[in-house]
Amino acid sequence: EESIVTIVIALIGSAIIPSLINRF
C-alpha cells in the first residue's frame, strides 16, 4: 500500500508542481 501511495503522490506531484510553478 505504501508503494502504491508513493507512486500516486509522485504522479500527482509531477503534474501539479510544474503547473503551480508556472502559475506563480
PDBML (XML) file of the C-alpha atoms, coordinates in Angstrom:
<?xml version="1.0" encoding="UTF-8" ?>
<PDBx:datablock datablockName="MODEL"
   xmlns:PDBx="http://pdbml.pdb.org/schema/pdbx-v50.xsd"
   xmlns:xsi="http://www.w3.org/2001/XMLSchema-instance"
   xsi:schemaLocation="http://pdbml.pdb.org/schema/pdbx-v50.xsd pdbx-v50.xsd">
   <PDBx:atom_siteCategory>
      <PDBx:atom_site id="1">
         <PDBx:B_iso_or_equiv>0.00</PDBx:B_iso_or_equiv>
         <PDBx:Cartn_x>0.000</PDBx:Cartn_x>
         <PDBx:Cartn_y>0.000</PDBx:Cartn_y>
         <PDBx:Cartn_z>0.000</PDBx:Cartn_z>
         <PDBx:auth_asym_id>A</PDBx:auth_asym_id>
         <PDBx:auth_atom_id>CA</PDBx:auth_atom_id>
         <PDBx:auth_comp_id>GLU</PDBx:auth_comp_id>
         <PDBx:auth_seq_id>1</PDBx:auth_seq_id>
         <PDBx:group_PDB>ATOM</PDBx:group_PDB>
         <PDBx:label_alt_id xsi:nil="true" />
         <PDBx:label_asym_id>A</PDBx:label_asym_id>
         <PDBx:label_atom_id>CA</PDBx:label_atom_id>
         <PDBx:label_comp_id>GLU</PDBx:label_comp_id>
         <PDBx:label_entity_id>1</PDBx:label_entity_id>
         <PDBx:label_seq_id>1</PDBx:label_seq_id>
         <PDBx:occupancy>1.00</PDBx:occupancy>
         <PDBx:pdbx_PDB_model_num>1</PDBx:pdbx_PDB_model_num>
         <PDBx:type_symbol>C</PDBx:type_symbol>
      </PDBx:atom_site>
      <PDBx:atom_site id="2">
         <PDBx:B_iso_or_equiv>0.00</PDBx:B_iso_or_equiv>
         <PDBx:Cartn_x>2.893</PDBx:Cartn_x>
         <PDBx:Cartn_y>2.346</PDBx:Cartn_y>
         <PDBx:Cartn_z>0.771</PDBx:Cartn_z>
         <PDBx:auth_asym_id>A</PDBx:auth_asym_id>
         <PDBx:auth_atom_id>CA</PDBx:auth_atom_id>
         <PDBx:auth_comp_id>GLU</PDBx:auth_comp_id>
         <PDBx:auth_seq_id>2</PDBx:auth_seq_id>
         <PDBx:group_PDB>ATOM</PDBx:group_PDB>
         <PDBx:label_alt_id xsi:nil="true" />
         <PDBx:label_asym_id>A</PDBx:label_asym_id>
         <PDBx:label_atom_id>CA</PDBx:label_atom_id>
         <PDBx:label_comp_id>GLU</PDBx:label_comp_id>
         <PDBx:label_entity_id>1</PDBx:label_entity_id>
         <PDBx:label_seq_id>2</PDBx:label_seq_id>
         <PDBx:occupancy>1.00</PDBx:occupancy>
         <PDBx:pdbx_PDB_model_num>1</PDBx:pdbx_PDB_model_num>
         <PDBx:type_symbol>C</PDBx:type_symbol>
      </PDBx:atom_site>
      <PDBx:atom_site id="3">
         <PDBx:B_iso_or_equiv>0.00</PDBx:B_iso_or_equiv>
         <PDBx:Cartn_x>4.479</PDBx:Cartn_x>
         <PDBx:Cartn_y>1.867</PDBx:Cartn_y>
         <PDBx:Cartn_z>-2.660</PDBx:Cartn_z>
         <PDBx:auth_asym_id>A</PDBx:auth_asym_id>
         <PDBx:auth_atom_id>CA</PDBx:auth_atom_id>
         <PDBx:auth_comp_id>SER</PDBx:auth_comp_id>
         <PDBx:auth_seq_id>3</PDBx:auth_seq_id>
         <PDBx:group_PDB>ATOM</PDBx:group_PDB>
         <PDBx:label_alt_id xsi:nil="true" />
         <PDBx:label_asym_id>A</PDBx:label_asym_id>
         <PDBx:label_atom_id>CA</PDBx:label_atom_id>
         <PDBx:label_comp_id>SER</PDBx:label_comp_id>
         <PDBx:label_entity_id>1</PDBx:label_entity_id>
         <PDBx:label_seq_id>3</PDBx:label_seq_id>
         <PDBx:occupancy>1.00</PDBx:occupancy>
         <PDBx:pdbx_PDB_model_num>1</PDBx:pdbx_PDB_model_num>
         <PDBx:type_symbol>C</PDBx:type_symbol>
      </PDBx:atom_site>
      <PDBx:atom_site id="4">
         <PDBx:B_iso_or_equiv>0.00</PDBx:B_iso_or_equiv>
         <PDBx:Cartn_x>1.143</PDBx:Cartn_x>
         <PDBx:Cartn_y>2.487</PDBx:Cartn_y>
         <PDBx:Cartn_z>-4.387</PDBx:Cartn_z>
         <PDBx:auth_asym_id>A</PDBx:auth_asym_id>
         <PDBx:auth_atom_id>CA</PDBx:auth_atom_id>
         <PDBx:auth_comp_id>ILE</PDBx:auth_comp_id>
         <PDBx:auth_seq_id>4</PDBx:auth_seq_id>
         <PDBx:group_PDB>ATOM</PDBx:group_PDB>
         <PDBx:label_alt_id xsi:nil="true" />
         <PDBx:label_asym_id>A</PDBx:label_asym_id>
         <PDBx:label_atom_id>CA</PDBx:label_atom_id>
         <PDBx:label_comp_id>ILE</PDBx:label_comp_id>
         <PDBx:label_entity_id>1</PDBx:label_entity_id>
         <PDBx:label_seq_id>4</PDBx:label_seq_id>
         <PDBx:occupancy>1.00</PDBx:occupancy>
         <PDBx:pdbx_PDB_model_num>1</PDBx:pdbx_PDB_model_num>
         <PDBx:type_symbol>C</PDBx:type_symbol>
      </PDBx:atom_site>
      <PDBx:atom_site id="5">
         <PDBx:B_iso_or_equiv>0.00</PDBx:B_iso_or_equiv>
         <PDBx:Cartn_x>0.642</PDBx:Cartn_x>
         <PDBx:Cartn_y>5.682</PDBx:Cartn_y>
         <PDBx:Cartn_z>-2.365</PDBx:Cartn_z>
         <PDBx:auth_asym_id>A</PDBx:auth_asym_id>
         <PDBx:auth_atom_id>CA</PDBx:auth_atom_id>
         <PDBx:auth_comp_id>VAL</PDBx:auth_comp_id>
         <PDBx:auth_seq_id>5</PDBx:auth_seq_id>
         <PDBx:group_PDB>ATOM</PDBx:group_PDB>
         <PDBx:label_alt_id xsi:nil="true" />
         <PDBx:label_asym_id>A</PDBx:label_asym_id>
         <PDBx:label_atom_id>CA</PDBx:label_atom_id>
         <PDBx:label_comp_id>VAL</PDBx:label_comp_id>
         <PDBx:label_entity_id>1</PDBx:label_entity_id>
         <PDBx:label_seq_id>5</PDBx:label_seq_id>
         <PDBx:occupancy>1.00</PDBx:occupancy>
         <PDBx:pdbx_PDB_model_num>1</PDBx:pdbx_PDB_model_num>
         <PDBx:type_symbol>C</PDBx:type_symbol>
      </PDBx:atom_site>
      <PDBx:atom_site id="6">
         <PDBx:B_iso_or_equiv>0.00</PDBx:B_iso_or_equiv>
         <PDBx:Cartn_x>4.202</PDBx:Cartn_x>
         <PDBx:Cartn_y>6.781</PDBx:Cartn_y>
         <PDBx:Cartn_z>-3.189</PDBx:Cartn_z>
         <PDBx:auth_asym_id>A</PDBx:auth_asym_id>
         <PDBx:auth_atom_id>CA</PDBx:auth_atom_id>
         <PDBx:auth_comp_id>THR</PDBx:auth_comp_id>
         <PDBx:auth_seq_id>6</PDBx:auth_seq_id>
         <PDBx:group_PDB>ATOM</PDBx:group_PDB>
         <PDBx:label_alt_id xsi:nil="true" />
         <PDBx:label_asym_id>A</PDBx:label_asym_id>
         <PDBx:label_atom_id>CA</PDBx:label_atom_id>
         <PDBx:label_comp_id>THR</PDBx:label_comp_id>
         <PDBx:label_entity_id>1</PDBx:label_entity_id>
         <PDBx:label_seq_id>6</PDBx:label_seq_id>
         <PDBx:occupancy>1.00</PDBx:occupancy>
         <PDBx:pdbx_PDB_model_num>1</PDBx:pdbx_PDB_model_num>
         <PDBx:type_symbol>C</PDBx:type_symbol>
      </PDBx:atom_site>
      <PDBx:atom_site id="7">
         <PDBx:B_iso_or_equiv>0.00</PDBx:B_iso_or_equiv>
         <PDBx:Cartn_x>3.651</PDBx:Cartn_x>
         <PDBx:Cartn_y>6.218</PDBx:Cartn_y>
         <PDBx:Cartn_z>-6.906</PDBx:Cartn_z>
         <PDBx:auth_asym_id>A</PDBx:auth_asym_id>
         <PDBx:auth_atom_id>CA</PDBx:auth_atom_id>
         <PDBx:auth_comp_id>ILE</PDBx:auth_comp_id>
         <PDBx:auth_seq_id>7</PDBx:auth_seq_id>
         <PDBx:group_PDB>ATOM</PDBx:group_PDB>
         <PDBx:label_alt_id xsi:nil="true" />
         <PDBx:label_asym_id>A</PDBx:label_asym_id>
         <PDBx:label_atom_id>CA</PDBx:label_atom_id>
         <PDBx:label_comp_id>ILE</PDBx:label_comp_id>
         <PDBx:label_entity_id>1</PDBx:label_entity_id>
         <PDBx:label_seq_id>7</PDBx:label_seq_id>
         <PDBx:occupancy>1.00</PDBx:occupancy>
         <PDBx:pdbx_PDB_model_num>1</PDBx:pdbx_PDB_model_num>
         <PDBx:type_symbol>C</PDBx:type_symbol>
      </PDBx:atom_site>
      <PDBx:atom_site id="8">
         <PDBx:B_iso_or_equiv>0.00</PDBx:B_iso_or_equiv>
         <PDBx:Cartn_x>0.331</PDBx:Cartn_x>
         <PDBx:Cartn_y>8.075</PDBx:Cartn_y>
         <PDBx:Cartn_z>-6.885</PDBx:Cartn_z>
         <PDBx:auth_asym_id>A</PDBx:auth_asym_id>
         <PDBx:auth_atom_id>CA</PDBx:auth_atom_id>
         <PDBx:auth_comp_id>VAL</PDBx:auth_comp_id>
         <PDBx:auth_seq_id>8</PDBx:auth_seq_id>
         <PDBx:group_PDB>ATOM</PDBx:group_PDB>
         <PDBx:label_alt_id xsi:nil="true" />
         <PDBx:label_asym_id>A</PDBx:label_asym_id>
         <PDBx:label_atom_id>CA</PDBx:label_atom_id>
         <PDBx:label_comp_id>VAL</PDBx:label_comp_id>
         <PDBx:label_entity_id>1</PDBx:label_entity_id>
         <PDBx:label_seq_id>8</PDBx:label_seq_id>
         <PDBx:occupancy>1.00</PDBx:occupancy>
         <PDBx:pdbx_PDB_model_num>1</PDBx:pdbx_PDB_model_num>
         <PDBx:type_symbol>C</PDBx:type_symbol>
      </PDBx:atom_site>
      <PDBx:atom_site id="9">
         <PDBx:B_iso_or_equiv>0.00</PDBx:B_iso_or_equiv>
         <PDBx:Cartn_x>1.858</PDBx:Cartn_x>
         <PDBx:Cartn_y>11.018</PDBx:Cartn_y>
         <PDBx:Cartn_z>-5.000</PDBx:Cartn_z>
         <PDBx:auth_asym_id>A</PDBx:auth_asym_id>
         <PDBx:auth_atom_id>CA</PDBx:auth_atom_id>
         <PDBx:auth_comp_id>ILE</PDBx:auth_comp_id>
         <PDBx:auth_seq_id>9</PDBx:auth_seq_id>
         <PDBx:group_PDB>ATOM</PDBx:group_PDB>
         <PDBx:label_alt_id xsi:nil="true" />
         <PDBx:label_asym_id>A</PDBx:label_asym_id>
         <PDBx:label_atom_id>CA</PDBx:label_atom_id>
         <PDBx:label_comp_id>ILE</PDBx:label_comp_id>
         <PDBx:label_entity_id>1</PDBx:label_entity_id>
         <PDBx:label_seq_id>9</PDBx:label_seq_id>
         <PDBx:occupancy>1.00</PDBx:occupancy>
         <PDBx:pdbx_PDB_model_num>1</PDBx:pdbx_PDB_model_num>
         <PDBx:type_symbol>C</PDBx:type_symbol>
      </PDBx:atom_site>
      <PDBx:atom_site id="10">
         <PDBx:B_iso_or_equiv>0.00</PDBx:B_iso_or_equiv>
         <PDBx:Cartn_x>4.798</PDBx:Cartn_x>
         <PDBx:Cartn_y>11.095</PDBx:Cartn_y>
         <PDBx:Cartn_z>-7.417</PDBx:Cartn_z>
         <PDBx:auth_asym_id>A</PDBx:auth_asym_id>
         <PDBx:auth_atom_id>CA</PDBx:auth_atom_id>
         <PDBx:auth_comp_id>ALA</PDBx:auth_comp_id>
         <PDBx:auth_seq_id>10</PDBx:auth_seq_id>
         <PDBx:group_PDB>ATOM</PDBx:group_PDB>
         <PDBx:label_alt_id xsi:nil="true" />
         <PDBx:label_asym_id>A</PDBx:label_asym_id>
         <PDBx:label_atom_id>CA</PDBx:label_atom_id>
         <PDBx:label_comp_id>ALA</PDBx:label_comp_id>
         <PDBx:label_entity_id>1</PDBx:label_entity_id>
         <PDBx:label_seq_id>10</PDBx:label_seq_id>
         <PDBx:occupancy>1.00</PDBx:occupancy>
         <PDBx:pdbx_PDB_model_num>1</PDBx:pdbx_PDB_model_num>
         <PDBx:type_symbol>C</PDBx:type_symbol>
      </PDBx:atom_site>
      <PDBx:atom_site id="11">
         <PDBx:B_iso_or_equiv>0.00</PDBx:B_iso_or_equiv>
         <PDBx:Cartn_x>2.464</PDBx:Cartn_x>
         <PDBx:Cartn_y>11.129</PDBx:Cartn_y>
         <PDBx:Cartn_z>-10.422</PDBx:Cartn_z>
         <PDBx:auth_asym_id>A</PDBx:auth_asym_id>
         <PDBx:auth_atom_id>CA</PDBx:auth_atom_id>
         <PDBx:auth_comp_id>LEU</PDBx:auth_comp_id>
         <PDBx:auth_seq_id>11</PDBx:auth_seq_id>
         <PDBx:group_PDB>ATOM</PDBx:group_PDB>
         <PDBx:label_alt_id xsi:nil="true" />
         <PDBx:label_asym_id>A</PDBx:label_asym_id>
         <PDBx:label_atom_id>CA</PDBx:label_atom_id>
         <PDBx:label_comp_id>LEU</PDBx:label_comp_id>
         <PDBx:label_entity_id>1</PDBx:label_entity_id>
         <PDBx:label_seq_id>11</PDBx:label_seq_id>
         <PDBx:occupancy>1.00</PDBx:occupancy>
         <PDBx:pdbx_PDB_model_num>1</PDBx:pdbx_PDB_model_num>
         <PDBx:type_symbol>C</PDBx:type_symbol>
      </PDBx:atom_site>
      <PDBx:atom_site id="12">
         <PDBx:B_iso_or_equiv>0.00</PDBx:B_iso_or_equiv>
         <PDBx:Cartn_x>0.270</PDBx:Cartn_x>
         <PDBx:Cartn_y>13.840</PDBx:Cartn_y>
         <PDBx:Cartn_z>-8.952</PDBx:Cartn_z>
         <PDBx:auth_asym_id>A</PDBx:auth_asym_id>
         <PDBx:auth_atom_id>CA</PDBx:auth_atom_id>
         <PDBx:auth_comp_id>ILE</PDBx:auth_comp_id>
         <PDBx:auth_seq_id>12</PDBx:auth_seq_id>
         <PDBx:group_PDB>ATOM</PDBx:group_PDB>
         <PDBx:label_alt_id xsi:nil="true" />
         <PDBx:label_asym_id>A</PDBx:label_asym_id>
         <PDBx:label_atom_id>CA</PDBx:label_atom_id>
         <PDBx:label_comp_id>ILE</PDBx:label_comp_id>
         <PDBx:label_entity_id>1</PDBx:label_entity_id>
         <PDBx:label_seq_id>12</PDBx:label_seq_id>
         <PDBx:occupancy>1.00</PDBx:occupancy>
         <PDBx:pdbx_PDB_model_num>1</PDBx:pdbx_PDB_model_num>
         <PDBx:type_symbol>C</PDBx:type_symbol>
      </PDBx:atom_site>
      <PDBx:atom_site id="13">
         <PDBx:B_iso_or_equiv>0.00</PDBx:B_iso_or_equiv>
         <PDBx:Cartn_x>3.325</PDBx:Cartn_x>
         <PDBx:Cartn_y>15.850</PDBx:Cartn_y>
         <PDBx:Cartn_z>-7.898</PDBx:Cartn_z>
         <PDBx:auth_asym_id>A</PDBx:auth_asym_id>
         <PDBx:auth_atom_id>CA</PDBx:auth_atom_id>
         <PDBx:auth_comp_id>GLY</PDBx:auth_comp_id>
         <PDBx:auth_seq_id>13</PDBx:auth_seq_id>
         <PDBx:group_PDB>ATOM</PDBx:group_PDB>
         <PDBx:label_alt_id xsi:nil="true" />
         <PDBx:label_asym_id>A</PDBx:label_asym_id>
         <PDBx:label_atom_id>CA</PDBx:label_atom_id>
         <PDBx:label_comp_id>GLY</PDBx:label_comp_id>
         <PDBx:label_entity_id>1</PDBx:label_entity_id>
         <PDBx:label_seq_id>13</PDBx:label_seq_id>
         <PDBx:occupancy>1.00</PDBx:occupancy>
         <PDBx:pdbx_PDB_model_num>1</PDBx:pdbx_PDB_model_num>
         <PDBx:type_symbol>C</PDBx:type_symbol>
      </PDBx:atom_site>
      <PDBx:atom_site id="14">
         <PDBx:B_iso_or_equiv>0.00</PDBx:B_iso_or_equiv>
         <PDBx:Cartn_x>4.911</PDBx:Cartn_x>
         <PDBx:Cartn_y>15.583</PDBx:Cartn_y>
         <PDBx:Cartn_z>-11.342</PDBx:Cartn_z>
         <PDBx:auth_asym_id>A</PDBx:auth_asym_id>
         <PDBx:auth_atom_id>CA</PDBx:auth_atom_id>
         <PDBx:auth_comp_id>SER</PDBx:auth_comp_id>
         <PDBx:auth_seq_id>14</PDBx:auth_seq_id>
         <PDBx:group_PDB>ATOM</PDBx:group_PDB>
         <PDBx:label_alt_id xsi:nil="true" />
         <PDBx:label_asym_id>A</PDBx:label_asym_id>
         <PDBx:label_atom_id>CA</PDBx:label_atom_id>
         <PDBx:label_comp_id>SER</PDBx:label_comp_id>
         <PDBx:label_entity_id>1</PDBx:label_entity_id>
         <PDBx:label_seq_id>14</PDBx:label_seq_id>
         <PDBx:occupancy>1.00</PDBx:occupancy>
         <PDBx:pdbx_PDB_model_num>1</PDBx:pdbx_PDB_model_num>
         <PDBx:type_symbol>C</PDBx:type_symbol>
      </PDBx:atom_site>
      <PDBx:atom_site id="15">
         <PDBx:B_iso_or_equiv>0.00</PDBx:B_iso_or_equiv>
         <PDBx:Cartn_x>1.745</PDBx:Cartn_x>
         <PDBx:Cartn_y>17.011</PDBx:Cartn_y>
         <PDBx:Cartn_z>-12.898</PDBx:Cartn_z>
         <PDBx:auth_asym_id>A</PDBx:auth_asym_id>
         <PDBx:auth_atom_id>CA</PDBx:auth_atom_id>
         <PDBx:auth_comp_id>ALA</PDBx:auth_comp_id>
         <PDBx:auth_seq_id>15</PDBx:auth_seq_id>
         <PDBx:group_PDB>ATOM</PDBx:group_PDB>
         <PDBx:label_alt_id xsi:nil="true" />
         <PDBx:label_asym_id>A</PDBx:label_asym_id>
         <PDBx:label_atom_id>CA</PDBx:label_atom_id>
         <PDBx:label_comp_id>ALA</PDBx:label_comp_id>
         <PDBx:label_entity_id>1</PDBx:label_entity_id>
         <PDBx:label_seq_id>15</PDBx:label_seq_id>
         <PDBx:occupancy>1.00</PDBx:occupancy>
         <PDBx:pdbx_PDB_model_num>1</PDBx:pdbx_PDB_model_num>
         <PDBx:type_symbol>C</PDBx:type_symbol>
      </PDBx:atom_site>
      <PDBx:atom_site id="16">
         <PDBx:B_iso_or_equiv>0.00</PDBx:B_iso_or_equiv>
         <PDBx:Cartn_x>0.806</PDBx:Cartn_x>
         <PDBx:Cartn_y>19.591</PDBx:Cartn_y>
         <PDBx:Cartn_z>-10.278</PDBx:Cartn_z>
         <PDBx:auth_asym_id>A</PDBx:auth_asym_id>
         <PDBx:auth_atom_id>CA</PDBx:auth_atom_id>
         <PDBx:auth_comp_id>ILE</PDBx:auth_comp_id>
         <PDBx:auth_seq_id>16</PDBx:auth_seq_id>
         <PDBx:group_PDB>ATOM</PDBx:group_PDB>
         <PDBx:label_alt_id xsi:nil="true" />
         <PDBx:label_asym_id>A</PDBx:label_asym_id>
         <PDBx:label_atom_id>CA</PDBx:label_atom_id>
         <PDBx:label_comp_id>ILE</PDBx:label_comp_id>
         <PDBx:label_entity_id>1</PDBx:label_entity_id>
         <PDBx:label_seq_id>16</PDBx:label_seq_id>
         <PDBx:occupancy>1.00</PDBx:occupancy>
         <PDBx:pdbx_PDB_model_num>1</PDBx:pdbx_PDB_model_num>
         <PDBx:type_symbol>C</PDBx:type_symbol>
      </PDBx:atom_site>
      <PDBx:atom_site id="17">
         <PDBx:B_iso_or_equiv>0.00</PDBx:B_iso_or_equiv>
         <PDBx:Cartn_x>4.147</PDBx:Cartn_x>
         <PDBx:Cartn_y>21.059</PDBx:Cartn_y>
         <PDBx:Cartn_z>-9.217</PDBx:Cartn_z>
         <PDBx:auth_asym_id>A</PDBx:auth_asym_id>
         <PDBx:auth_atom_id>CA</PDBx:auth_atom_id>
         <PDBx:auth_comp_id>ILE</PDBx:auth_comp_id>
         <PDBx:auth_seq_id>17</PDBx:auth_seq_id>
         <PDBx:group_PDB>ATOM</PDBx:group_PDB>
         <PDBx:label_alt_id xsi:nil="true" />
         <PDBx:label_asym_id>A</PDBx:label_asym_id>
         <PDBx:label_atom_id>CA</PDBx:label_atom_id>
         <PDBx:label_comp_id>ILE</PDBx:label_comp_id>
         <PDBx:label_entity_id>1</PDBx:label_entity_id>
         <PDBx:label_seq_id>17</PDBx:label_seq_id>
         <PDBx:occupancy>1.00</PDBx:occupancy>
         <PDBx:pdbx_PDB_model_num>1</PDBx:pdbx_PDB_model_num>
         <PDBx:type_symbol>C</PDBx:type_symbol>
      </PDBx:atom_site>
      <PDBx:atom_site id="18">
         <PDBx:B_iso_or_equiv>0.00</PDBx:B_iso_or_equiv>
         <PDBx:Cartn_x>5.195</PDBx:Cartn_x>
         <PDBx:Cartn_y>22.306</PDBx:Cartn_y>
         <PDBx:Cartn_z>-12.705</PDBx:Cartn_z>
         <PDBx:auth_asym_id>A</PDBx:auth_asym_id>
         <PDBx:auth_atom_id>CA</PDBx:auth_atom_id>
         <PDBx:auth_comp_id>PRO</PDBx:auth_comp_id>
         <PDBx:auth_seq_id>18</PDBx:auth_seq_id>
         <PDBx:group_PDB>ATOM</PDBx:group_PDB>
         <PDBx:label_alt_id xsi:nil="true" />
         <PDBx:label_asym_id>A</PDBx:label_asym_id>
         <PDBx:label_atom_id>CA</PDBx:label_atom_id>
         <PDBx:label_comp_id>PRO</PDBx:label_comp_id>
         <PDBx:label_entity_id>1</PDBx:label_entity_id>
         <PDBx:label_seq_id>18</PDBx:label_seq_id>
         <PDBx:occupancy>1.00</PDBx:occupancy>
         <PDBx:pdbx_PDB_model_num>1</PDBx:pdbx_PDB_model_num>
         <PDBx:type_symbol>C</PDBx:type_symbol>
      </PDBx:atom_site>
      <PDBx:atom_site id="19">
         <PDBx:B_iso_or_equiv>0.00</PDBx:B_iso_or_equiv>
         <PDBx:Cartn_x>1.757</PDBx:Cartn_x>
         <PDBx:Cartn_y>23.846</PDBx:Cartn_y>
         <PDBx:Cartn_z>-13.256</PDBx:Cartn_z>
         <PDBx:auth_asym_id>A</PDBx:auth_asym_id>
         <PDBx:auth_atom_id>CA</PDBx:auth_atom_id>
         <PDBx:auth_comp_id>SER</PDBx:auth_comp_id>
         <PDBx:auth_seq_id>19</PDBx:auth_seq_id>
         <PDBx:group_PDB>ATOM</PDBx:group_PDB>
         <PDBx:label_alt_id xsi:nil="true" />
         <PDBx:label_asym_id>A</PDBx:label_asym_id>
         <PDBx:label_atom_id>CA</PDBx:label_atom_id>
         <PDBx:label_comp_id>SER</PDBx:label_comp_id>
         <PDBx:label_entity_id>1</PDBx:label_entity_id>
         <PDBx:label_seq_id>19</PDBx:label_seq_id>
         <PDBx:occupancy>1.00</PDBx:occupancy>
         <PDBx:pdbx_PDB_model_num>1</PDBx:pdbx_PDB_model_num>
         <PDBx:type_symbol>C</PDBx:type_symbol>
      </PDBx:atom_site>
      <PDBx:atom_site id="20">
         <PDBx:B_iso_or_equiv>0.00</PDBx:B_iso_or_equiv>
         <PDBx:Cartn_x>1.930</PDBx:Cartn_x>
         <PDBx:Cartn_y>25.590</PDBx:Cartn_y>
         <PDBx:Cartn_z>-9.866</PDBx:Cartn_z>
         <PDBx:auth_asym_id>A</PDBx:auth_asym_id>
         <PDBx:auth_atom_id>CA</PDBx:auth_atom_id>
         <PDBx:auth_comp_id>LEU</PDBx:auth_comp_id>
         <PDBx:auth_seq_id>20</PDBx:auth_seq_id>
         <PDBx:group_PDB>ATOM</PDBx:group_PDB>
         <PDBx:label_alt_id xsi:nil="true" />
         <PDBx:label_asym_id>A</PDBx:label_asym_id>
         <PDBx:label_atom_id>CA</PDBx:label_atom_id>
         <PDBx:label_comp_id>LEU</PDBx:label_comp_id>
         <PDBx:label_entity_id>1</PDBx:label_entity_id>
         <PDBx:label_seq_id>20</PDBx:label_seq_id>
         <PDBx:occupancy>1.00</PDBx:occupancy>
         <PDBx:pdbx_PDB_model_num>1</PDBx:pdbx_PDB_model_num>
         <PDBx:type_symbol>C</PDBx:type_symbol>
      </PDBx:atom_site>
      <PDBx:atom_site id="21">
         <PDBx:B_iso_or_equiv>0.00</PDBx:B_iso_or_equiv>
         <PDBx:Cartn_x>5.413</PDBx:Cartn_x>
         <PDBx:Cartn_y>26.903</PDBx:Cartn_y>
         <PDBx:Cartn_z>-10.611</PDBx:Cartn_z>
         <PDBx:auth_asym_id>A</PDBx:auth_asym_id>
         <PDBx:auth_atom_id>CA</PDBx:auth_atom_id>
         <PDBx:auth_comp_id>ILE</PDBx:auth_comp_id>
         <PDBx:auth_seq_id>21</PDBx:auth_seq_id>
         <PDBx:group_PDB>ATOM</PDBx:group_PDB>
         <PDBx:label_alt_id xsi:nil="true" />
         <PDBx:label_asym_id>A</PDBx:label_asym_id>
         <PDBx:label_atom_id>CA</PDBx:label_atom_id>
         <PDBx:label_comp_id>ILE</PDBx:label_comp_id>
         <PDBx:label_entity_id>1</PDBx:label_entity_id>
         <PDBx:label_seq_id>21</PDBx:label_seq_id>
         <PDBx:occupancy>1.00</PDBx:occupancy>
         <PDBx:pdbx_PDB_model_num>1</PDBx:pdbx_PDB_model_num>
         <PDBx:type_symbol>C</PDBx:type_symbol>
      </PDBx:atom_site>
      <PDBx:atom_site id="22">
         <PDBx:B_iso_or_equiv>0.00</PDBx:B_iso_or_equiv>
         <PDBx:Cartn_x>4.273</PDBx:Cartn_x>
         <PDBx:Cartn_y>28.192</PDBx:Cartn_y>
         <PDBx:Cartn_z>-13.991</PDBx:Cartn_z>
         <PDBx:auth_asym_id>A</PDBx:auth_asym_id>
         <PDBx:auth_atom_id>CA</PDBx:auth_atom_id>
         <PDBx:auth_comp_id>ASN</PDBx:auth_comp_id>
         <PDBx:auth_seq_id>22</PDBx:auth_seq_id>
         <PDBx:group_PDB>ATOM</PDBx:group_PDB>
         <PDBx:label_alt_id xsi:nil="true" />
         <PDBx:label_asym_id>A</PDBx:label_asym_id>
         <PDBx:label_atom_id>CA</PDBx:label_atom_id>
         <PDBx:label_comp_id>ASN</PDBx:label_comp_id>
         <PDBx:label_entity_id>1</PDBx:label_entity_id>
         <PDBx:label_seq_id>22</PDBx:label_seq_id>
         <PDBx:occupancy>1.00</PDBx:occupancy>
         <PDBx:pdbx_PDB_model_num>1</PDBx:pdbx_PDB_model_num>
         <PDBx:type_symbol>C</PDBx:type_symbol>
      </PDBx:atom_site>
      <PDBx:atom_site id="23">
         <PDBx:B_iso_or_equiv>0.00</PDBx:B_iso_or_equiv>
         <PDBx:Cartn_x>1.194</PDBx:Cartn_x>
         <PDBx:Cartn_y>29.758</PDBx:Cartn_y>
         <PDBx:Cartn_z>-12.411</PDBx:Cartn_z>
         <PDBx:auth_asym_id>A</PDBx:auth_asym_id>
         <PDBx:auth_atom_id>CA</PDBx:auth_atom_id>
         <PDBx:auth_comp_id>ARG</PDBx:auth_comp_id>
         <PDBx:auth_seq_id>23</PDBx:auth_seq_id>
         <PDBx:group_PDB>ATOM</PDBx:group_PDB>
         <PDBx:label_alt_id xsi:nil="true" />
         <PDBx:label_asym_id>A</PDBx:label_asym_id>
         <PDBx:label_atom_id>CA</PDBx:label_atom_id>
         <PDBx:label_comp_id>ARG</PDBx:label_comp_id>
         <PDBx:label_entity_id>1</PDBx:label_entity_id>
         <PDBx:label_seq_id>23</PDBx:label_seq_id>
         <PDBx:occupancy>1.00</PDBx:occupancy>
         <PDBx:pdbx_PDB_model_num>1</PDBx:pdbx_PDB_model_num>
         <PDBx:type_symbol>C</PDBx:type_symbol>
      </PDBx:atom_site>
      <PDBx:atom_site id="24">
         <PDBx:B_iso_or_equiv>0.00</PDBx:B_iso_or_equiv>
         <PDBx:Cartn_x>3.283</PDBx:Cartn_x>
         <PDBx:Cartn_y>31.772</PDBx:Cartn_y>
         <PDBx:Cartn_z>-9.964</PDBx:Cartn_z>
         <PDBx:auth_asym_id>A</PDBx:auth_asym_id>
         <PDBx:auth_atom_id>CA</PDBx:auth_atom_id>
         <PDBx:auth_comp_id>PHE</PDBx:auth_comp_id>
         <PDBx:auth_seq_id>24</PDBx:auth_seq_id>
         <PDBx:group_PDB>ATOM</PDBx:group_PDB>
         <PDBx:label_alt_id xsi:nil="true" />
         <PDBx:label_asym_id>A</PDBx:label_asym_id>
         <PDBx:label_atom_id>CA</PDBx:label_atom_id>
         <PDBx:label_comp_id>PHE</PDBx:label_comp_id>
         <PDBx:label_entity_id>1</PDBx:label_entity_id>
         <PDBx:label_seq_id>24</PDBx:label_seq_id>
         <PDBx:occupancy>1.00</PDBx:occupancy>
         <PDBx:pdbx_PDB_model_num>1</PDBx:pdbx_PDB_model_num>
         <PDBx:type_symbol>C</PDBx:type_symbol>
      </PDBx:atom_site>
   </PDBx:atom_siteCategory>
</PDBx:datablock>
